[in-house]
């Protein structure tokens, strides 16, 4: 492996560690949600109903964009 590749891998690992540390420090009253796309089908989840609804709306928009893109191709 070249030196630049090793440097890139180290920087990515340091970035992951910093994000992990930052989220554990500031996760007092955080609302968390996520969206998993399996093909064009969205699966939304969250810690509060508001976050879950926002994730589902984003998933539906992505699904719509997927089907519109396939229709024109």
PDB file of N, CA and C in Angstrom:
ATOM      1  N   UNK A   1       0.839  -1.180   0.000  1.00  0.00           N
ATOM      2  CA  UNK A   1       0.000   0.000   0.000  1.00  0.00           C
ATOM      3  C   UNK A   1       0.884   1.245   0.000  1.00  0.00           C
ATOM      4  N   UNK A   2       0.440   2.235  -0.729  1.00  0.00           N
ATOM      5  CA  UNK A   2       1.221   3.467  -0.768  1.00  0.00           C
ATOM      6  C   UNK A   2       0.959   4.303   0.481  1.00  0.00           C
ATOM      7  N   UNK A   3       1.820   5.273   0.679  1.00  0.00           N
ATOM      8  CA  UNK A   3       1.697   6.125   1.859  1.00  0.00           C
ATOM      9  C   UNK A   3       0.415   6.952   1.824  1.00  0.00           C
ATOM     10  N   UNK A   4       0.008   7.395   0.653  1.00  0.00           N
ATOM     11  CA  UNK A   4      -1.194   8.217   0.556  1.00  0.00           C
ATOM     12  C   UNK A   4      -2.442   7.392   0.868  1.00  0.00           C
ATOM     13  N   UNK A   5      -2.445   6.110   0.522  1.00  0.00           N
ATOM     14  CA  UNK A   5      -3.566   5.237   0.847  1.00  0.00           C
ATOM     15  C   UNK A   5      -3.661   5.014   2.344  1.00  0.00           C
ATOM     16  N   UNK A   6      -2.517   4.774   2.974  1.00  0.00           N
ATOM     17  CA  UNK A   6      -2.502   4.606   4.428  1.00  0.00           C
ATOM     18  C   UNK A   6      -2.984   5.871   5.126  1.00  0.00           C
ATOM     19  N   UNK A   7      -2.549   7.023   4.635  1.00  0.00           N
ATOM     20  CA  UNK A   7      -2.982   8.287   5.221  1.00  0.00           C
ATOM     21  C   UNK A   7      -4.492   8.460   5.086  1.00  0.00           C
ATOM     22  N   UNK A   8      -5.036   8.115   3.931  1.00  0.00           N
ATOM     23  CA  UNK A   8      -6.474   8.212   3.727  1.00  0.00           C
ATOM     24  C   UNK A   8      -7.248   7.306   4.667  1.00  0.00           C
ATOM     25  N   UNK A   9      -6.782   6.087   4.846  1.00  0.00           N
ATOM     26  CA  UNK A   9      -7.449   5.145   5.752  1.00  0.00           C
ATOM     27  C   UNK A   9      -7.388   5.651   7.185  1.00  0.00           C
ATOM     28  N   UNK A  10      -6.231   6.170   7.596  1.00  0.00           N
ATOM     29  CA  UNK A  10      -6.103   6.702   8.954  1.00  0.00           C
ATOM     30  C   UNK A  10      -7.026   7.899   9.175  1.00  0.00           C
ATOM     31  N   UNK A  11      -7.126   8.780   8.179  1.00  0.00           N
ATOM     32  CA  UNK A  11      -8.005   9.943   8.308  1.00  0.00           C
ATOM     33  C   UNK A  11      -9.471   9.540   8.410  1.00  0.00           C
ATOM     34  N   UNK A  12      -9.876   8.526   7.653  1.00  0.00           N
ATOM     35  CA  UNK A  12     -11.251   8.034   7.738  1.00  0.00           C
ATOM     36  C   UNK A  12     -11.517   7.444   9.116  1.00  0.00           C
ATOM     37  N   UNK A  13     -10.600   6.651   9.643  1.00  0.00           N
ATOM     38  CA  UNK A  13     -10.774   6.064  10.967  1.00  0.00           C
ATOM     39  C   UNK A  13     -10.813   7.135  12.053  1.00  0.00           C
ATOM     40  N   UNK A  14      -9.978   8.153  11.932  1.00  0.00           N
ATOM     41  CA  UNK A  14     -10.005   9.250  12.900  1.00  0.00           C
ATOM     42  C   UNK A  14     -11.332   9.991  12.805  1.00  0.00           C
ATOM     43  N   UNK A  15     -11.855  10.191  11.591  1.00  0.00           N
ATOM     44  CA  UNK A  15     -13.146  10.847  11.419  1.00  0.00           C
ATOM     45  C   UNK A  15     -14.271  10.056  12.064  1.00  0.00           C
ATOM     46  N   UNK A  16     -14.287   8.748  11.864  1.00  0.00           N
ATOM     47  CA  UNK A  16     -15.302   7.902  12.504  1.00  0.00           C
ATOM     48  C   UNK A  16     -15.219   8.000  14.022  1.00  0.00           C
ATOM     49  N   UNK A  17     -14.009   7.979  14.553  1.00  0.00           N
ATOM     50  CA  UNK A  17     -13.834   8.057  16.003  1.00  0.00           C
ATOM     51  C   UNK A  17     -14.334   9.400  16.536  1.00  0.00           C
ATOM     52  N   UNK A  18     -14.039  10.493  15.835  1.00  0.00           N
ATOM     53  CA  UNK A  18     -14.494  11.810  16.276  1.00  0.00           C
ATOM     54  C   UNK A  18     -16.019  11.924  16.233  1.00  0.00           C
ATOM     55  N   UNK A  19     -16.644  11.379  15.206  1.00  0.00           N
ATOM     56  CA  UNK A  19     -18.106  11.404  15.133  1.00  0.00           C
ATOM     57  C   UNK A  19     -18.701  10.574  16.259  1.00  0.00           C
ATOM     58  N   UNK A  20     -18.139   9.410  16.537  1.00  0.00           N
ATOM     59  CA  UNK A  20     -18.622   8.569  17.622  1.00  0.00           C
ATOM     60  C   UNK A  20     -18.484   9.266  18.972  1.00  0.00           C
ATOM     61  N   UNK A  21     -17.362   9.891  19.217  1.00  0.00           N
ATOM     62  CA  UNK A  21     -17.156  10.614  20.474  1.00  0.00           C
ATOM     63  C   UNK A  21     -18.125  11.788  20.579  1.00  0.00           C
ATOM     64  N   UNK A  22     -18.302  12.524  19.497  1.00  0.00           N
ATOM     65  CA  UNK A  22     -19.206  13.672  19.514  1.00  0.00           C
ATOM     66  C   UNK A  22     -20.648  13.285  19.761  1.00  0.00           C
ATOM     67  N   UNK A  23     -21.089  12.170  19.182  1.00  0.00           N
ATOM     68  CA  UNK A  23     -22.475  11.760  19.396  1.00  0.00           C
ATOM     69  C   UNK A  23     -22.697  11.227  20.800  1.00  0.00           C
ATOM     70  N   UNK A  24     -21.727  10.576  21.382  1.00  0.00           N
ATOM     71  CA  UNK A  24     -21.916  10.077  22.741  1.00  0.00           C
ATOM     72  C   UNK A  24     -21.896  11.213  23.759  1.00  0.00           C
ATOM     73  N   UNK A  25     -21.138  12.263  23.472  1.00  0.00           N
ATOM     74  CA  UNK A  25     -21.088  13.401  24.396  1.00  0.00           C
ATOM     75  C   UNK A  25     -22.372  14.219  24.334  1.00  0.00           C
ATOM     76  N   UNK A  26     -22.914  14.436  23.132  1.00  0.00           N
ATOM     77  CA  UNK A  26     -24.058  15.336  22.975  1.00  0.00           C
ATOM     78  C   UNK A  26     -25.381  14.602  22.804  1.00  0.00           C
ATOM     79  N   UNK A  27     -25.479  13.354  23.167  1.00  0.00           N
ATOM     80  CA  UNK A  27     -26.699  12.575  22.948  1.00  0.00           C
ATOM     81  C   UNK A  27     -27.623  12.619  24.161  1.00  0.00           C
ATOM     82  N   UNK A  28     -27.780  13.768  24.780  1.00  0.00           N
ATOM     83  CA  UNK A  28     -28.640  13.873  25.951  1.00  0.00           C
ATOM     84  C   UNK A  28     -30.109  13.664  25.589  1.00  0.00           C
ATOM     85  N   UNK A  29     -30.661  14.530  24.772  1.00  0.00           N
ATOM     86  CA  UNK A  29     -32.067  14.454  24.382  1.00  0.00           C
ATOM     87  C   UNK A  29     -32.189  14.482  22.859  1.00  0.00           C
ATOM     88  N   UNK A  30     -31.455  13.657  22.202  1.00  0.00           N
ATOM     89  CA  UNK A  30     -31.435  13.671  20.745  1.00  0.00           C
ATOM     90  C   UNK A  30     -32.576  12.825  20.182  1.00  0.00           C
ATOM     91  N   UNK A  31     -33.192  13.331  19.125  1.00  0.00           N
ATOM     92  CA  UNK A  31     -34.154  12.545  18.360  1.00  0.00           C
ATOM     93  C   UNK A  31     -33.407  11.911  17.206  1.00  0.00           C
ATOM     94  N   UNK A  32     -33.522  10.620  17.082  1.00  0.00           N
ATOM     95  CA  UNK A  32     -32.766   9.893  16.081  1.00  0.00           C
ATOM     96  C   UNK A  32     -33.737   9.162  15.169  1.00  0.00           C
ATOM     97  N   UNK A  33     -33.444   9.163  13.884  1.00  0.00           N
ATOM     98  CA  UNK A  33     -34.253   8.439  12.930  1.00  0.00           C
ATOM     99  C   UNK A  33     -33.386   7.941  11.794  1.00  0.00           C
ATOM    100  N   UNK A  34     -33.936   7.030  11.041  1.00  0.00           N
ATOM    101  CA  UNK A  34     -33.173   6.488   9.931  1.00  0.00           C
ATOM    102  C   UNK A  34     -34.075   6.001   8.824  1.00  0.00           C
ATOM    103  N   UNK A  35     -33.461   5.742   7.705  1.00  0.00           N
ATOM    104  CA  UNK A  35     -34.180   5.282   6.532  1.00  0.00           C
ATOM    105  C   UNK A  35     -33.334   4.228   5.844  1.00  0.00           C
ATOM    106  N   UNK A  36     -33.930   3.088   5.599  1.00  0.00           N
ATOM    107  CA  UNK A  36     -33.253   2.005   4.883  1.00  0.00           C
ATOM    108  C   UNK A  36     -34.004   1.802   3.582  1.00  0.00           C
ATOM    109  N   UNK A  37     -33.293   1.846   2.484  1.00  0.00           N
ATOM    110  CA  UNK A  37     -33.909   1.615   1.184  1.00  0.00           C
ATOM    111  C   UNK A  37     -33.507   0.222   0.704  1.00  0.00           C
ATOM    112  N   UNK A  38     -34.481  -0.648   0.542  1.00  0.00           N
ATOM    113  CA  UNK A  38     -34.253  -1.976  -0.020  1.00  0.00           C
ATOM    114  C   UNK A  38     -34.877  -1.950  -1.408  1.00  0.00           C
ATOM    115  N   UNK A  39     -33.999  -1.753  -2.394  1.00  0.00           N
ATOM    116  CA  UNK A  39     -34.512  -1.501  -3.730  1.00  0.00           C
ATOM    117  C   UNK A  39     -35.245  -0.173  -3.697  1.00  0.00           C
ATOM    118  N   UNK A  40     -36.461  -0.129  -4.209  1.00  0.00           N
ATOM    119  CA  UNK A  40     -37.212   1.126  -4.148  1.00  0.00           C
ATOM    120  C   UNK A  40     -38.095   1.245  -2.903  1.00  0.00           C
ATOM    121  N   UNK A  41     -38.076   0.260  -2.008  1.00  0.00           N
ATOM    122  CA  UNK A  41     -38.973   0.258  -0.855  1.00  0.00           C
ATOM    123  C   UNK A  41     -38.309   0.868   0.370  1.00  0.00           C
ATOM    124  N   UNK A  42     -38.913   1.932   0.930  1.00  0.00           N
ATOM    125  CA  UNK A  42     -38.322   2.558   2.112  1.00  0.00           C
ATOM    126  C   UNK A  42     -38.804   1.917   3.411  1.00  0.00           C
ATOM    127  N   UNK A  43     -37.896   1.814   4.374  1.00  0.00           N
ATOM    128  CA  UNK A  43     -38.229   1.378   5.729  1.00  0.00           C
ATOM    129  C   UNK A  43     -37.723   2.473   6.651  1.00  0.00           C
ATOM    130  N   UNK A  44     -38.655   3.150   7.341  1.00  0.00           N
ATOM    131  CA  UNK A  44     -38.294   4.274   8.201  1.00  0.00           C
ATOM    132  C   UNK A  44     -38.425   3.869   9.663  1.00  0.00           C
ATOM    133  N   UNK A  45     -37.557   4.434  10.504  1.00  0.00           N
ATOM    134  CA  UNK A  45     -37.630   4.206  11.935  1.00  0.00           C
ATOM    135  C   UNK A  45     -37.127   5.444  12.655  1.00  0.00           C
ATOM    136  N   UNK A  46     -37.523   5.586  13.913  1.00  0.00           N
ATOM    137  CA  UNK A  46     -37.086   6.741  14.673  1.00  0.00           C
ATOM    138  C   UNK A  46     -37.484   6.637  16.129  1.00  0.00           C
ATOM    139  N   UNK A  47     -36.947   7.559  16.937  1.00  0.00           N
ATOM    140  CA  UNK A  47     -37.235   7.560  18.360  1.00  0.00           C
ATOM    141  C   UNK A  47     -38.476   8.367  18.701  1.00  0.00           C
ATOM    142  N   UNK A  48     -38.961   9.169  17.759  1.00  0.00           N
ATOM    143  CA  UNK A  48     -40.180   9.933  17.984  1.00  0.00           C
ATOM    144  C   UNK A  48     -41.027   9.874  16.712  1.00  0.00           C
ATOM    145  N   UNK A  49     -42.337  10.039  16.850  1.00  0.00           N
ATOM    146  CA  UNK A  49     -43.195   9.978  15.661  1.00  0.00           C
ATOM    147  C   UNK A  49     -42.855  11.043  14.620  1.00  0.00           C
ATOM    148  N   UNK A  50     -42.449  12.227  15.051  1.00  0.00           N
ATOM    149  CA  UNK A  50     -42.112  13.284  14.099  1.00  0.00           C
ATOM    150  C   UNK A  50     -40.924  12.932  13.225  1.00  0.00           C
ATOM    151  N   UNK A  51     -39.878  12.396  13.838  1.00  0.00           N
ATOM    152  CA  UNK A  51     -38.686  12.003  13.083  1.00  0.00           C
ATOM    153  C   UNK A  51     -39.016  10.853  12.133  1.00  0.00           C
ATOM    154  N   UNK A  52     -39.833   9.920  12.579  1.00  0.00           N
ATOM    155  CA  UNK A  52     -40.207   8.788  11.734  1.00  0.00           C
ATOM    156  C   UNK A  52     -41.008   9.258  10.522  1.00  0.00           C
ATOM    157  N   UNK A  53     -41.900  10.207  10.718  1.00  0.00           N
ATOM    158  CA  UNK A  53     -42.691  10.729   9.599  1.00  0.00           C
ATOM    159  C   UNK A  53     -41.798  11.458   8.599  1.00  0.00           C
ATOM    160  N   UNK A  54     -40.848  12.240   9.099  1.00  0.00           N
ATOM    161  CA  UNK A  54     -39.924  12.933   8.199  1.00  0.00           C
ATOM    162  C   UNK A  54     -39.104  11.932   7.393  1.00  0.00           C
ATOM    163  N   UNK A  55     -38.618  10.880   8.042  1.00  0.00           N
ATOM    164  CA  UNK A  55     -37.842   9.851   7.343  1.00  0.00           C
ATOM    165  C   UNK A  55     -38.698   9.147   6.303  1.00  0.00           C
ATOM    166  N   UNK A  56     -39.969   8.898   6.619  1.00  0.00           N
ATOM    167  CA  UNK A  56     -40.841   8.226   5.665  1.00  0.00           C
ATOM    168  C   UNK A  56     -41.146   9.119   4.466  1.00  0.00           C
ATOM    169  N   UNK A  57     -41.318  10.411   4.702  1.00  0.00           N
ATOM    170  CA  UNK A  57     -41.553  11.337   3.587  1.00  0.00           C
ATOM    171  C   UNK A  57     -40.345  11.373   2.658  1.00  0.00           C
ATOM    172  N   UNK A  58     -39.154  11.421   3.238  1.00  0.00           N
ATOM    173  CA  UNK A  58     -37.937  11.392   2.426  1.00  0.00           C
ATOM    174  C   UNK A  58     -37.854  10.085   1.648  1.00  0.00           C
ATOM    175  N   UNK A  59     -38.199   8.974   2.297  1.00  0.00           N
ATOM    176  CA  UNK A  59     -38.188   7.682   1.612  1.00  0.00           C
ATOM    177  C   UNK A  59     -39.179   7.629   0.472  1.00  0.00           C
ATOM    178  N   UNK A  60     -40.370   8.168   0.671  1.00  0.00           N
ATOM    179  CA  UNK A  60     -41.364   8.181  -0.401  1.00  0.00           C
ATOM    180  C   UNK A  60     -40.914   9.061  -1.568  1.00  0.00           C
ATOM    181  N   UNK A  61     -40.271  10.188  -1.268  1.00  0.00           N
ATOM    182  CA  UNK A  61     -39.747  11.038  -2.343  1.00  0.00           C
ATOM    183  C   UNK A  61     -38.645  10.331  -3.123  1.00  0.00           C
ATOM    184  N   UNK A  62     -37.781   9.611  -2.413  1.00  0.00           N
ATOM    185  CA  UNK A  62     -36.733   8.850  -3.100  1.00  0.00           C
ATOM    186  C   UNK A  62     -37.328   7.733  -3.955  1.00  0.00           C
ATOM    187  N   UNK A  63     -38.377   7.071  -3.438  1.00  0.00           N
ATOM    188  CA  UNK A  63     -39.040   6.019  -4.197  1.00  0.00           C
ATOM    189  C   UNK A  63     -39.691   6.596  -5.450  1.00  0.00           C
ATOM    190  N   UNK A  64     -40.332   7.745  -5.321  1.00  0.00           N
ATOM    191  CA  UNK A  64     -40.951   8.404  -6.465  1.00  0.00           C
ATOM    192  C   UNK A  64     -39.904   8.790  -7.505  1.00  0.00           C
ATOM    193  N   UNK A  65     -38.772   9.339  -7.049  1.00  0.00           N
ATOM    194  CA  UNK A  65     -37.701   9.705  -7.968  1.00  0.00           C
ATOM    195  C   UNK A  65     -37.142   8.472  -8.675  1.00  0.00           C
ATOM    196  N   UNK A  66     -37.050   7.368  -7.973  1.00  0.00           N
ATOM    197  CA  UNK A  66     -36.566   6.125  -8.575  1.00  0.00           C
ATOM    198  C   UNK A  66     -37.491   5.670  -9.693  1.00  0.00           C
ATOM    199  N   UNK A  67     -38.803   5.641  -9.405  1.00  0.00           N
ATOM    200  CA  UNK A  67     -39.747   5.181 -10.421  1.00  0.00           C
ATOM    201  C   UNK A  67     -39.852   6.155 -11.592  1.00  0.00           C
ATOM    202  N   UNK A  68     -39.747   7.449 -11.340  1.00  0.00           N
ATOM    203  CA  UNK A  68     -39.784   8.420 -12.429  1.00  0.00           C
ATOM    204  C   UNK A  68     -38.543   8.283 -13.304  1.00  0.00           C
ATOM    205  N   UNK A  69     -37.405   8.023 -12.692  1.00  0.00           N
ATOM    206  CA  UNK A  69     -36.173   7.834 -13.455  1.00  0.00           C
ATOM    207  C   UNK A  69     -36.190   6.576 -14.302  1.00  0.00           C
ATOM    208  N   UNK A  70     -36.780   5.508 -13.771  1.00  0.00           N
ATOM    209  CA  UNK A  70     -36.858   4.261 -14.543  1.00  0.00           C
ATOM    210  C   UNK A  70     -37.861   4.355 -15.666  1.00  0.00           C
ATOM    211  N   UNK A  71     -38.921   5.167 -15.479  1.00  0.00           N
ATOM    212  CA  UNK A  71     -39.942   5.298 -16.523  1.00  0.00           C
ATOM    213  C   UNK A  71     -39.385   5.999 -17.749  1.00  0.00           C
ATOM    214  N   UNK A  72     -38.486   6.965 -17.548  1.00  0.00           N
ATOM    215  CA  UNK A  72     -37.930   7.734 -18.663  1.00  0.00           C
ATOM    216  C   UNK A  72     -36.774   7.031 -19.336  1.00  0.00           C
ATOM    217  N   UNK A  73     -36.214   6.032 -18.705  1.00  0.00           N
ATOM    218  CA  UNK A  73     -35.039   5.357 -19.277  1.00  0.00           C
ATOM    219  C   UNK A  73     -35.427   4.298 -20.284  1.00  0.00           C
TER     220      UNK A  73
END
